[in-house]
Amino acid sequence: MNEESGEFRNLGPLADLPDQWARAYYLEDLKHRVAVARVGDRLFAFDDLYNEMPLSAGLLTGTIIMSQGDGSKFDLTDGHVVRGPAIEPIPTYDVHEEDGQIYVRI
């Protein structure tokens, strides 16, 4: 599921996001937490909160992130559930790097 509603916004330097890592960003104006994961030269943006816990703190293996709360696994390429107990996909967002900065569209 890909949400496309707003303009791209700058989240900060790509250098602050190591490979095979996910980081949360809080968008104050939207009161929304979004996370970005870096896997090699690819970026993935998704809702950070799942069952009121941050997915960015979960285990990232390739493009699969596991919730530390209930062990659900999600594929960050499109948000689909790889392993439950979750039954609904997580929202994903358009994200890219430009001039060393991370941009996401929420």
PDB file of N, CA and C in Angstrom:
ATOM      1  N   MET A   1       0.863  -1.175   0.000  1.00  0.00           N
ATOM      2  CA  MET A   1       0.000   0.000   0.000  1.00  0.00           C
ATOM      3  C   MET A   1       0.895   1.219   0.000  1.00  0.00           C
ATOM      4  N   ASN A   2       0.731   2.083  -0.937  1.00  0.00           N
ATOM      5  CA  ASN A   2       1.570   3.265  -1.044  1.00  0.00           C
ATOM      6  C   ASN A   2       0.693   4.494  -0.927  1.00  0.00           C
ATOM      7  N   GLU A   3       0.962   5.281   0.102  1.00  0.00           N
ATOM      8  CA  GLU A   3       0.185   6.500   0.334  1.00  0.00           C
ATOM      9  C   GLU A   3       0.840   7.652  -0.419  1.00  0.00           C
ATOM     10  N   GLU A   4       0.095   8.347  -1.261  1.00  0.00           N
ATOM     11  CA  GLU A   4       0.629   9.495  -1.971  1.00  0.00           C
ATOM     12  C   GLU A   4      -0.330  10.659  -1.799  1.00  0.00           C
ATOM     13  N   SER A   5      -0.004  11.572  -0.884  1.00  0.00           N
ATOM     14  CA  SER A   5      -0.935  12.670  -0.674  1.00  0.00           C
ATOM     15  C   SER A   5      -0.259  14.033  -0.686  1.00  0.00           C
ATOM     16  N   GLY A   6       0.943  14.156  -0.152  1.00  0.00           N
ATOM     17  CA  GLY A   6       1.562  15.458  -0.033  1.00  0.00           C
ATOM     18  C   GLY A   6       2.799  15.608  -0.886  1.00  0.00           C
ATOM     19  N   GLU A   7       3.517  16.679  -0.606  1.00  0.00           N
ATOM     20  CA  GLU A   7       4.771  16.917  -1.305  1.00  0.00           C
ATOM     21  C   GLU A   7       5.895  16.219  -0.559  1.00  0.00           C
ATOM     22  N   PHE A   8       7.005  16.036  -1.242  1.00  0.00           N
ATOM     23  CA  PHE A   8       8.169  15.451  -0.582  1.00  0.00           C
ATOM     24  C   PHE A   8       8.706  16.427   0.446  1.00  0.00           C
ATOM     25  N   ARG A   9       9.115  15.890   1.592  1.00  0.00           N
ATOM     26  CA  ARG A   9       9.707  16.713   2.644  1.00  0.00           C
ATOM     27  C   ARG A   9      11.049  16.127   3.039  1.00  0.00           C
ATOM     28  N   ASN A  10      11.957  17.011   3.392  1.00  0.00           N
ATOM     29  CA  ASN A  10      13.311  16.631   3.759  1.00  0.00           C
ATOM     30  C   ASN A  10      13.333  16.120   5.200  1.00  0.00           C
ATOM     31  N   LEU A  11      13.862  14.906   5.380  1.00  0.00           N
ATOM     32  CA  LEU A  11      13.983  14.334   6.724  1.00  0.00           C
ATOM     33  C   LEU A  11      15.376  14.524   7.311  1.00  0.00           C
ATOM     34  N   GLY A  12      16.358  14.772   6.466  1.00  0.00           N
ATOM     35  CA  GLY A  12      17.716  14.958   6.964  1.00  0.00           C
ATOM     36  C   GLY A  12      18.733  14.200   6.128  1.00  0.00           C
ATOM     37  N   PRO A  13      19.983  14.217   6.586  1.00  0.00           N
ATOM     38  CA  PRO A  13      21.075  13.626   5.818  1.00  0.00           C
ATOM     39  C   PRO A  13      21.012  12.093   5.741  1.00  0.00           C
ATOM     40  N   LEU A  14      21.271  11.580   4.552  1.00  0.00           N
ATOM     41  CA  LEU A  14      21.361  10.142   4.355  1.00  0.00           C
ATOM     42  C   LEU A  14      22.515   9.568   5.175  1.00  0.00           C
ATOM     43  N   ALA A  15      23.564  10.346   5.378  1.00  0.00           N
ATOM     44  CA  ALA A  15      24.733   9.888   6.140  1.00  0.00           C
ATOM     45  C   ALA A  15      24.367   9.522   7.579  1.00  0.00           C
ATOM     46  N   ASP A  16      23.237  10.027   8.093  1.00  0.00           N
ATOM     47  CA  ASP A  16      22.799   9.707   9.454  1.00  0.00           C
ATOM     48  C   ASP A  16      22.051   8.379   9.540  1.00  0.00           C
ATOM     49  N   LEU A  17      21.876   7.714   8.399  1.00  0.00           N
ATOM     50  CA  LEU A  17      21.142   6.451   8.355  1.00  0.00           C
ATOM     51  C   LEU A  17      22.066   5.354   7.813  1.00  0.00           C
ATOM     52  N   PRO A  18      22.668   4.560   8.699  1.00  0.00           N
ATOM     53  CA  PRO A  18      23.574   3.496   8.249  1.00  0.00           C
ATOM     54  C   PRO A  18      22.838   2.418   7.447  1.00  0.00           C
ATOM     55  N   ASP A  19      23.591   1.676   6.645  1.00  0.00           N
ATOM     56  CA  ASP A  19      23.041   0.550   5.900  1.00  0.00           C
ATOM     57  C   ASP A  19      22.499  -0.493   6.877  1.00  0.00           C
ATOM     58  N   GLN A  20      21.405  -1.146   6.490  1.00  0.00           N
ATOM     59  CA  GLN A  20      20.733  -2.170   7.297  1.00  0.00           C
ATOM     60  C   GLN A  20      20.244  -1.612   8.633  1.00  0.00           C
ATOM     61  N   TRP A  21      19.706  -0.406   8.576  1.00  0.00           N
ATOM     62  CA  TRP A  21      19.243   0.279   9.775  1.00  0.00           C
ATOM     63  C   TRP A  21      17.934   0.981   9.468  1.00  0.00           C
ATOM     64  N   ALA A  22      17.085   1.107  10.474  1.00  0.00           N
ATOM     65  CA  ALA A  22      15.846   1.880  10.353  1.00  0.00           C
ATOM     66  C   ALA A  22      15.873   2.985  11.392  1.00  0.00           C
ATOM     67  N   ARG A  23      15.356   4.134  11.012  1.00  0.00           N
ATOM     68  CA  ARG A  23      15.346   5.283  11.919  1.00  0.00           C
ATOM     69  C   ARG A  23      13.986   5.958  11.850  1.00  0.00           C
ATOM     70  N   ALA A  24      13.504   6.397  13.007  1.00  0.00           N
ATOM     71  CA  ALA A  24      12.208   7.080  13.077  1.00  0.00           C
ATOM     72  C   ALA A  24      12.395   8.584  12.964  1.00  0.00           C
ATOM     73  N   TYR A  25      11.418   9.228  12.361  1.00  0.00           N
ATOM     74  CA  TYR A  25      11.371  10.681  12.231  1.00  0.00           C
ATOM     75  C   TYR A  25       9.976  11.115  12.652  1.00  0.00           C
ATOM     76  N   TYR A  26       9.898  12.178  13.415  1.00  0.00           N
ATOM     77  CA  TYR A  26       8.599  12.695  13.845  1.00  0.00           C
ATOM     78  C   TYR A  26       8.265  13.940  13.038  1.00  0.00           C
ATOM     79  N   LEU A  27       7.126  13.906  12.366  1.00  0.00           N
ATOM     80  CA  LEU A  27       6.670  15.034  11.565  1.00  0.00           C
ATOM     81  C   LEU A  27       5.703  15.836  12.427  1.00  0.00           C
ATOM     82  N   GLU A  28       6.231  16.871  13.042  1.00  0.00           N
ATOM     83  CA  GLU A  28       5.488  17.662  14.039  1.00  0.00           C
ATOM     84  C   GLU A  28       4.169  18.191  13.483  1.00  0.00           C
ATOM     85  N   ASP A  29       4.201  18.750  12.271  1.00  0.00           N
ATOM     86  CA  ASP A  29       2.993  19.357  11.720  1.00  0.00           C
ATOM     87  C   ASP A  29       1.884  18.335  11.476  1.00  0.00           C
ATOM     88  N   LEU A  30       2.252  17.079  11.200  1.00  0.00           N
ATOM     89  CA  LEU A  30       1.264  16.027  10.964  1.00  0.00           C
ATOM     90  C   LEU A  30       0.999  15.177  12.198  1.00  0.00           C
ATOM     91  N   LYS A  31       1.813  15.394  13.253  1.00  0.00           N
ATOM     92  CA  LYS A  31       1.724  14.552  14.456  1.00  0.00           C
ATOM     93  C   LYS A  31       1.814  13.077  14.056  1.00  0.00           C
ATOM     94  N   HIS A  32       2.846  12.775  13.251  1.00  0.00           N
ATOM     95  CA  HIS A  32       2.975  11.453  12.631  1.00  0.00           C
ATOM     96  C   HIS A  32       4.420  10.978  12.704  1.00  0.00           C
ATOM     97  N   ARG A  33       4.600   9.697  13.073  1.00  0.00           N
ATOM     98  CA  ARG A  33       5.930   9.083  13.083  1.00  0.00           C
ATOM     99  C   ARG A  33       6.090   8.237  11.829  1.00  0.00           C
ATOM    100  N   VAL A  34       7.137   8.533  11.081  1.00  0.00           N
ATOM    101  CA  VAL A  34       7.467   7.749   9.904  1.00  0.00           C
ATOM    102  C   VAL A  34       8.877   7.208  10.113  1.00  0.00           C
ATOM    103  N   ALA A  35       9.131   6.022   9.606  1.00  0.00           N
ATOM    104  CA  ALA A  35      10.462   5.439   9.694  1.00  0.00           C
ATOM    105  C   ALA A  35      11.013   5.256   8.293  1.00  0.00           C
ATOM    106  N   VAL A  36      12.341   5.333   8.191  1.00  0.00           N
ATOM    107  CA  VAL A  36      13.022   5.074   6.926  1.00  0.00           C
ATOM    108  C   VAL A  36      14.078   4.017   7.200  1.00  0.00           C
ATOM    109  N   ALA A  37      14.110   2.991   6.348  1.00  0.00           N
ATOM    110  CA  ALA A  37      15.123   1.943   6.429  1.00  0.00           C
ATOM    111  C   ALA A  37      16.017   2.047   5.201  1.00  0.00           C
ATOM    112  N   ARG A  38      17.302   1.784   5.436  1.00  0.00           N
ATOM    113  CA  ARG A  38      18.283   1.779   4.340  1.00  0.00           C
ATOM    114  C   ARG A  38      18.797   0.357   4.178  1.00  0.00           C
ATOM    115  N   VAL A  39      18.620  -0.164   2.968  1.00  0.00           N
ATOM    116  CA  VAL A  39      19.076  -1.511   2.654  1.00  0.00           C
ATOM    117  C   VAL A  39      19.909  -1.397   1.380  1.00  0.00           C
ATOM    118  N   GLY A  40      21.223  -1.382   1.567  1.00  0.00           N
ATOM    119  CA  GLY A  40      22.117  -1.163   0.432  1.00  0.00           C
ATOM    120  C   GLY A  40      21.891   0.228  -0.120  1.00  0.00           C
ATOM    121  N   ASP A  41      21.581   0.320  -1.399  1.00  0.00           N
ATOM    122  CA  ASP A  41      21.341   1.628  -2.011  1.00  0.00           C
ATOM    123  C   ASP A  41      19.846   1.952  -2.123  1.00  0.00           C
ATOM    124  N   ARG A  42      19.007   1.192  -1.413  1.00  0.00           N
ATOM    125  CA  ARG A  42      17.559   1.420  -1.460  1.00  0.00           C
ATOM    126  C   ARG A  42      17.056   1.967  -0.136  1.00  0.00           C
ATOM    127  N   LEU A  43      16.047   2.821  -0.215  1.00  0.00           N
ATOM    128  CA  LEU A  43      15.389   3.386   0.963  1.00  0.00           C
ATOM    129  C   LEU A  43      13.931   2.950   0.970  1.00  0.00           C
ATOM    130  N   PHE A  44      13.408   2.723   2.180  1.00  0.00           N
ATOM    131  CA  PHE A  44      12.017   2.324   2.356  1.00  0.00           C
ATOM    132  C   PHE A  44      11.426   3.171   3.474  1.00  0.00           C
ATOM    133  N   ALA A  45      10.272   3.768   3.237  1.00  0.00           N
ATOM    134  CA  ALA A  45       9.602   4.581   4.252  1.00  0.00           C
ATOM    135  C   ALA A  45       8.281   3.910   4.615  1.00  0.00           C
ATOM    136  N   PHE A  46       7.964   3.939   5.908  1.00  0.00           N
ATOM    137  CA  PHE A  46       6.779   3.238   6.401  1.00  0.00           C
ATOM    138  C   PHE A  46       6.348   3.856   7.724  1.00  0.00           C
ATOM    139  N   ASP A  47       5.090   3.592   8.116  1.00  0.00           N
ATOM    140  CA  ASP A  47       4.612   4.043   9.427  1.00  0.00           C
ATOM    141  C   ASP A  47       5.481   3.403  10.503  1.00  0.00           C
ATOM    142  N   ASP A  48       5.973   4.210  11.438  1.00  0.00           N
ATOM    143  CA  ASP A  48       6.841   3.672  12.473  1.00  0.00           C
ATOM    144  C   ASP A  48       6.069   2.932  13.547  1.00  0.00           C
ATOM    145  N   LEU A  49       4.888   3.405  13.890  1.00  0.00           N
ATOM    146  CA  LEU A  49       4.155   2.782  14.986  1.00  0.00           C
ATOM    147  C   LEU A  49       3.255   1.651  14.494  1.00  0.00           C
ATOM    148  N   TYR A  50       3.444   0.506  15.132  1.00  0.00           N
ATOM    149  CA  TYR A  50       2.605  -0.667  14.887  1.00  0.00           C
ATOM    150  C   TYR A  50       2.242  -1.201  16.268  1.00  0.00           C
ATOM    151  N   ASN A  51       0.966  -1.310  16.560  1.00  0.00           N
ATOM    152  CA  ASN A  51       0.501  -1.716  17.898  1.00  0.00           C
ATOM    153  C   ASN A  51       1.161  -0.874  18.990  1.00  0.00           C
ATOM    154  N   GLU A  52       1.272   0.422  18.725  1.00  0.00           N
ATOM    155  CA  GLU A  52       1.817   1.399  19.661  1.00  0.00           C
ATOM    156  C   GLU A  52       3.294   1.177  20.005  1.00  0.00           C
ATOM    157  N   MET A  53       3.999   0.396  19.184  1.00  0.00           N
ATOM    158  CA  MET A  53       5.431   0.182  19.384  1.00  0.00           C
ATOM    159  C   MET A  53       6.165   0.592  18.113  1.00  0.00           C
ATOM    160  N   PRO A  54       7.391   1.113  18.246  1.00  0.00           N
ATOM    161  CA  PRO A  54       8.136   1.559  17.073  1.00  0.00           C
ATOM    162  C   PRO A  54       8.725   0.401  16.264  1.00  0.00           C
ATOM    163  N   LEU A  55       8.312   0.288  15.018  1.00  0.00           N
ATOM    164  CA  LEU A  55       8.903  -0.718  14.140  1.00  0.00           C
ATOM    165  C   LEU A  55      10.383  -0.441  13.894  1.00  0.00           C
ATOM    166  N   SER A  56      10.779   0.821  13.942  1.00  0.00           N
ATOM    167  CA  SER A  56      12.181   1.172  13.695  1.00  0.00           C
ATOM    168  C   SER A  56      13.107   0.534  14.726  1.00  0.00           C
ATOM    169  N   ALA A  57      12.573   0.110  15.864  1.00  0.00           N
ATOM    170  CA  ALA A  57      13.369  -0.563  16.897  1.00  0.00           C
ATOM    171  C   ALA A  57      13.380  -2.077  16.708  1.00  0.00           C
ATOM    172  N   GLY A  58      12.681  -2.559  15.697  1.00  0.00           N
ATOM    173  CA  GLY A  58      12.606  -4.000  15.447  1.00  0.00           C
ATOM    174  C   GLY A  58      13.822  -4.506  14.691  1.00  0.00           C
ATOM    175  N   LEU A  59      13.847  -5.789  14.448  1.00  0.00           N
ATOM    176  CA  LEU A  59      14.953  -6.439  13.752  1.00  0.00           C
ATOM    177  C   LEU A  59      14.762  -6.303  12.247  1.00  0.00           C
ATOM    178  N   LEU A  60      15.752  -5.701  11.583  1.00  0.00           N
ATOM    179  CA  LEU A  60      15.720  -5.528  10.130  1.00  0.00           C
ATOM    180  C   LEU A  60      16.656  -6.537   9.493  1.00  0.00           C
ATOM    181  N   THR A  61      16.091  -7.389   8.628  1.00  0.00           N
ATOM    182  CA  THR A  61      16.872  -8.386   7.902  1.00  0.00           C
ATOM    183  C   THR A  61      16.527  -8.243   6.432  1.00  0.00           C
ATOM    184  N   GLY A  62      17.427  -7.643   5.679  1.00  0.00           N
ATOM    185  CA  GLY A  62      17.110  -7.342   4.283  1.00  0.00           C
ATOM    186  C   GLY A  62      15.968  -6.355   4.248  1.00  0.00           C
ATOM    187  N   THR A  63      14.921  -6.674   3.501  1.00  0.00           N
ATOM    188  CA  THR A  63      13.767  -5.774   3.420  1.00  0.00           C
ATOM    189  C   THR A  63      12.643  -6.192   4.364  1.00  0.00           C
ATOM    190  N   ILE A  64      12.919  -7.117   5.273  1.00  0.00           N
ATOM    191  CA  ILE A  64      11.925  -7.593   6.229  1.00  0.00           C
ATOM    192  C   ILE A  64      12.219  -6.988   7.600  1.00  0.00           C
ATOM    193  N   ILE A  65      11.192  -6.385   8.212  1.00  0.00           N
ATOM    194  CA  ILE A  65      11.347  -5.862   9.570  1.00  0.00           C
ATOM    195  C   ILE A  65      10.385  -6.611  10.486  1.00  0.00           C
ATOM    196  N   MET A  66      10.904  -6.956  11.685  1.00  0.00           N
ATOM    197  CA  MET A  66      10.109  -7.702  12.645  1.00  0.00           C
ATOM    198  C   MET A  66       9.765  -6.813  13.836  1.00  0.00           C
ATOM    199  N   SER A  67       8.515  -6.796  14.202  1.00  0.00           N
ATOM    200  CA  SER A  67       8.053  -6.045  15.366  1.00  0.00           C
ATOM    201  C   SER A  67       8.621  -6.671  16.630  1.00  0.00           C
ATOM    202  N   GLN A  68       9.176  -5.835  17.497  1.00  0.00           N
ATOM    203  CA  GLN A  68       9.662  -6.349  18.777  1.00  0.00           C
ATOM    204  C   GLN A  68       8.509  -6.649  19.729  1.00  0.00           C
ATOM    205  N   GLY A  69       7.321  -6.166  19.408  1.00  0.00           N
ATOM    206  CA  GLY A  69       6.172  -6.386  20.275  1.00  0.00           C
ATOM    207  C   GLY A  69       5.563  -7.767  20.134  1.00  0.00           C
ATOM    208  N   ASP A  70       5.129  -8.128  18.918  1.00  0.00           N
ATOM    209  CA  ASP A  70       4.450  -9.416  18.755  1.00  0.00           C
ATOM    210  C   ASP A  70       5.128 -10.343  17.758  1.00  0.00           C
ATOM    211  N   GLY A  71       6.265  -9.906  17.204  1.00  0.00           N
ATOM    212  CA  GLY A  71       7.002 -10.770  16.283  1.00  0.00           C
ATOM    213  C   GLY A  71       6.491 -10.758  14.853  1.00  0.00           C
ATOM    214  N   SER A  72       5.466  -9.948  14.559  1.00  0.00           N
ATOM    215  CA  SER A  72       4.987  -9.857  13.180  1.00  0.00           C
ATOM    216  C   SER A  72       6.107  -9.355  12.281  1.00  0.00           C
ATOM    217  N   LYS A  73       6.132  -9.869  11.048  1.00  0.00           N
ATOM    218  CA  LYS A  73       7.136  -9.451  10.073  1.00  0.00           C
ATOM    219  C   LYS A  73       6.445  -8.819   8.873  1.00  0.00           C
ATOM    220  N   PHE A  74       7.058  -7.716   8.397  1.00  0.00           N
ATOM    221  CA  PHE A  74       6.520  -6.972   7.265  1.00  0.00           C
ATOM    222  C   PHE A  74       7.601  -6.800   6.205  1.00  0.00           C
ATOM    223  N   ASP A  75       7.191  -6.886   4.941  1.00  0.00           N
ATOM    224  CA  ASP A  75       8.102  -6.619   3.831  1.00  0.00           C
ATOM    225  C   ASP A  75       8.025  -5.130   3.517  1.00  0.00           C
ATOM    226  N   LEU A  76       9.150  -4.441   3.638  1.00  0.00           N
ATOM    227  CA  LEU A  76       9.158  -2.992   3.454  1.00  0.00           C
ATOM    228  C   LEU A  76       8.997  -2.552   2.007  1.00  0.00           C
ATOM    229  N   THR A  77       9.097  -3.466   1.057  1.00  0.00           N
ATOM    230  CA  THR A  77       8.919  -3.068  -0.341  1.00  0.00           C
ATOM    231  C   THR A  77       7.500  -2.604  -0.612  1.00  0.00           C
ATOM    232  N   ASP A  78       6.523  -3.186   0.102  1.00  0.00           N
ATOM    233  CA  ASP A  78       5.132  -2.778  -0.095  1.00  0.00           C
ATOM    234  C   ASP A  78       4.300  -2.841   1.189  1.00  0.00           C
ATOM    235  N   GLY A  79       4.903  -3.235   2.312  1.00  0.00           N
ATOM    236  CA  GLY A  79       4.214  -3.247   3.594  1.00  0.00           C
ATOM    237  C   GLY A  79       3.444  -4.512   3.918  1.00  0.00           C
ATOM    238  N   HIS A  80       3.440  -5.511   3.003  1.00  0.00           N
ATOM    239  CA  HIS A  80       2.611  -6.695   3.260  1.00  0.00           C
ATOM    240  C   HIS A  80       3.159  -7.523   4.433  1.00  0.00           C
ATOM    241  N   VAL A  81       2.245  -8.255   5.059  1.00  0.00           N
ATOM    242  CA  VAL A  81       2.579  -9.110   6.191  1.00  0.00           C
ATOM    243  C   VAL A  81       3.274 -10.363   5.670  1.00  0.00           C
ATOM    244  N   VAL A  82       4.460 -10.632   6.195  1.00  0.00           N
ATOM    245  CA  VAL A  82       5.201 -11.843   5.866  1.00  0.00           C
ATOM    246  C   VAL A  82       4.849 -12.941   6.861  1.00  0.00           C
ATOM    247  N   ARG A  83       4.707 -12.544   8.128  1.00  0.00           N
ATOM    248  CA  ARG A  83       4.327 -13.477   9.187  1.00  0.00           C
ATOM    249  C   ARG A  83       3.537 -12.731  10.251  1.00  0.00           C
ATOM    250  N   GLY A  84       2.430 -13.314  10.665  1.00  0.00           N
ATOM    251  CA  GLY A  84       1.576 -12.700  11.673  1.00  0.00           C
ATOM    252  C   GLY A  84       2.122 -12.881  13.063  1.00  0.00           C
ATOM    253  N   PRO A  85       1.343 -12.411  13.995  1.00  0.00           N
ATOM    254  CA  PRO A  85      -0.110 -12.339  14.017  1.00  0.00           C
ATOM    255  C   PRO A  85      -0.748 -11.160  13.272  1.00  0.00           C
ATOM    256  N   ALA A  86       0.009 -10.179  12.831  1.00  0.00           N
ATOM    257  CA  ALA A  86      -0.596  -9.064  12.082  1.00  0.00           C
ATOM    258  C   ALA A  86      -1.337  -9.607  10.866  1.00  0.00           C
ATOM    259  N   ILE A  87      -2.440  -8.959  10.520  1.00  0.00           N
ATOM    260  CA  ILE A  87      -3.186  -9.357   9.329  1.00  0.00           C
ATOM    261  C   ILE A  87      -3.271  -8.224   8.308  1.00  0.00           C
ATOM    262  N   GLU A  88      -3.031  -6.994   8.757  1.00  0.00           N
ATOM    263  CA  GLU A  88      -3.087  -5.829   7.875  1.00  0.00           C
ATOM    264  C   GLU A  88      -1.670  -5.361   7.521  1.00  0.00           C
ATOM    265  N   PRO A  89      -1.457  -4.942   6.281  1.00  0.00           N
ATOM    266  CA  PRO A  89      -0.137  -4.405   5.917  1.00  0.00           C
ATOM    267  C   PRO A  89       0.106  -3.064   6.613  1.00  0.00           C
ATOM    268  N   ILE A  90       1.371  -2.670   6.682  1.00  0.00           N
ATOM    269  CA  ILE A  90       1.702  -1.347   7.201  1.00  0.00           C
ATOM    270  C   ILE A  90       1.748  -0.372   6.035  1.00  0.00           C
ATOM    271  N   PRO A  91       1.345   0.873   6.255  1.00  0.00           N
ATOM    272  CA  PRO A  91       1.435   1.871   5.186  1.00  0.00           C
ATOM    273  C   PRO A  91       2.896   2.152   4.826  1.00  0.00           C
ATOM    274  N   THR A  92       3.156   2.264   3.530  1.00  0.00           N
ATOM    275  CA  THR A  92       4.477   2.626   3.025  1.00  0.00           C
ATOM    276  C   THR A  92       4.355   3.928   2.237  1.00  0.00           C
ATOM    277  N   TYR A  93       5.490   4.587   2.049  1.00  0.00           N
ATOM    278  CA  TYR A  93       5.487   5.910   1.428  1.00  0.00           C
ATOM    279  C   TYR A  93       6.611   6.031   0.415  1.00  0.00           C
ATOM    280  N   ASP A  94       6.431   6.931  -0.537  1.00  0.00           N
ATOM    281  CA  ASP A  94       7.484   7.223  -1.499  1.00  0.00           C
ATOM    282  C   ASP A  94       8.648   7.882  -0.775  1.00  0.00           C
ATOM    283  N   VAL A  95       9.860   7.427  -1.065  1.00  0.00           N
ATOM    284  CA  VAL A  95      11.055   7.979  -0.436  1.00  0.00           C
ATOM    285  C   VAL A  95      12.198   7.928  -1.450  1.00  0.00           C
ATOM    286  N   HIS A  96      13.067   8.920  -1.391  1.00  0.00           N
ATOM    287  CA  HIS A  96      14.251   8.911  -2.247  1.00  0.00           C
ATOM    288  C   HIS A  96      15.343   9.774  -1.629  1.00  0.00           C
ATOM    289  N   GLU A  97      16.538   9.621  -2.177  1.00  0.00           N
ATOM    290  CA  GLU A  97      17.687  10.424  -1.772  1.00  0.00           C
ATOM    291  C   GLU A  97      17.995  11.419  -2.882  1.00  0.00           C
ATOM    292  N   GLU A  98      18.306  12.636  -2.471  1.00  0.00           N
ATOM    293  CA  GLU A  98      18.682  13.670  -3.434  1.00  0.00           C
ATOM    294  C   GLU A  98      19.708  14.574  -2.767  1.00  0.00           C
ATOM    295  N   ASP A  99      20.865  14.709  -3.408  1.00  0.00           N
ATOM    296  CA  ASP A  99      21.932  15.566  -2.876  1.00  0.00           C
ATOM    297  C   ASP A  99      22.283  15.224  -1.430  1.00  0.00           C
ATOM    298  N   GLY A 100      22.288  13.912  -1.117  1.00  0.00           N
ATOM    299  CA  GLY A 100      22.663  13.474   0.216  1.00  0.00           C
ATOM    300  C   GLY A 100      21.602  13.627   1.283  1.00  0.00           C
ATOM    301  N   GLN A 101      20.372  13.989   0.885  1.00  0.00           N
ATOM    302  CA  GLN A 101      19.271  14.180   1.822  1.00  0.00           C
ATOM    303  C   GLN A 101      18.169  13.150   1.560  1.00  0.00           C
ATOM    304  N   ILE A 102      17.454  12.768   2.614  1.00  0.00           N
ATOM    305  CA  ILE A 102      16.328  11.835   2.494  1.00  0.00           C
ATOM    306  C   ILE A 102      15.041  12.635   2.361  1.00  0.00           C
ATOM    307  N   TYR A 103      14.252  12.292   1.344  1.00  0.00           N
ATOM    308  CA  TYR A 103      12.963  12.957   1.117  1.00  0.00           C
ATOM    309  C   TYR A 103      11.855  11.911   1.128  1.00  0.00           C
ATOM    310  N   VAL A 104      10.769  12.209   1.810  1.00  0.00           N
ATOM    311  CA  VAL A 104       9.627  11.302   1.879  1.00  0.00           C
ATOM    312  C   VAL A 104       8.344  12.083   1.581  1.00  0.00           C
ATOM    313  N   ARG A 105       7.399  11.365   0.967  1.00  0.00           N
ATOM    314  CA  ARG A 105       6.083  11.960   0.703  1.00  0.00           C
ATOM    315  C   ARG A 105       5.052  11.234   1.537  1.00  0.00           C
ATOM    316  N   ILE A 106       4.393  11.965   2.428  1.00  0.00           N
ATOM    317  CA  ILE A 106       3.356  11.409   3.309  1.00  0.00           C
ATOM    318  C   ILE A 106       2.003  11.867   2.830  1.00  0.00           C
TER     319      ILE A 106
END
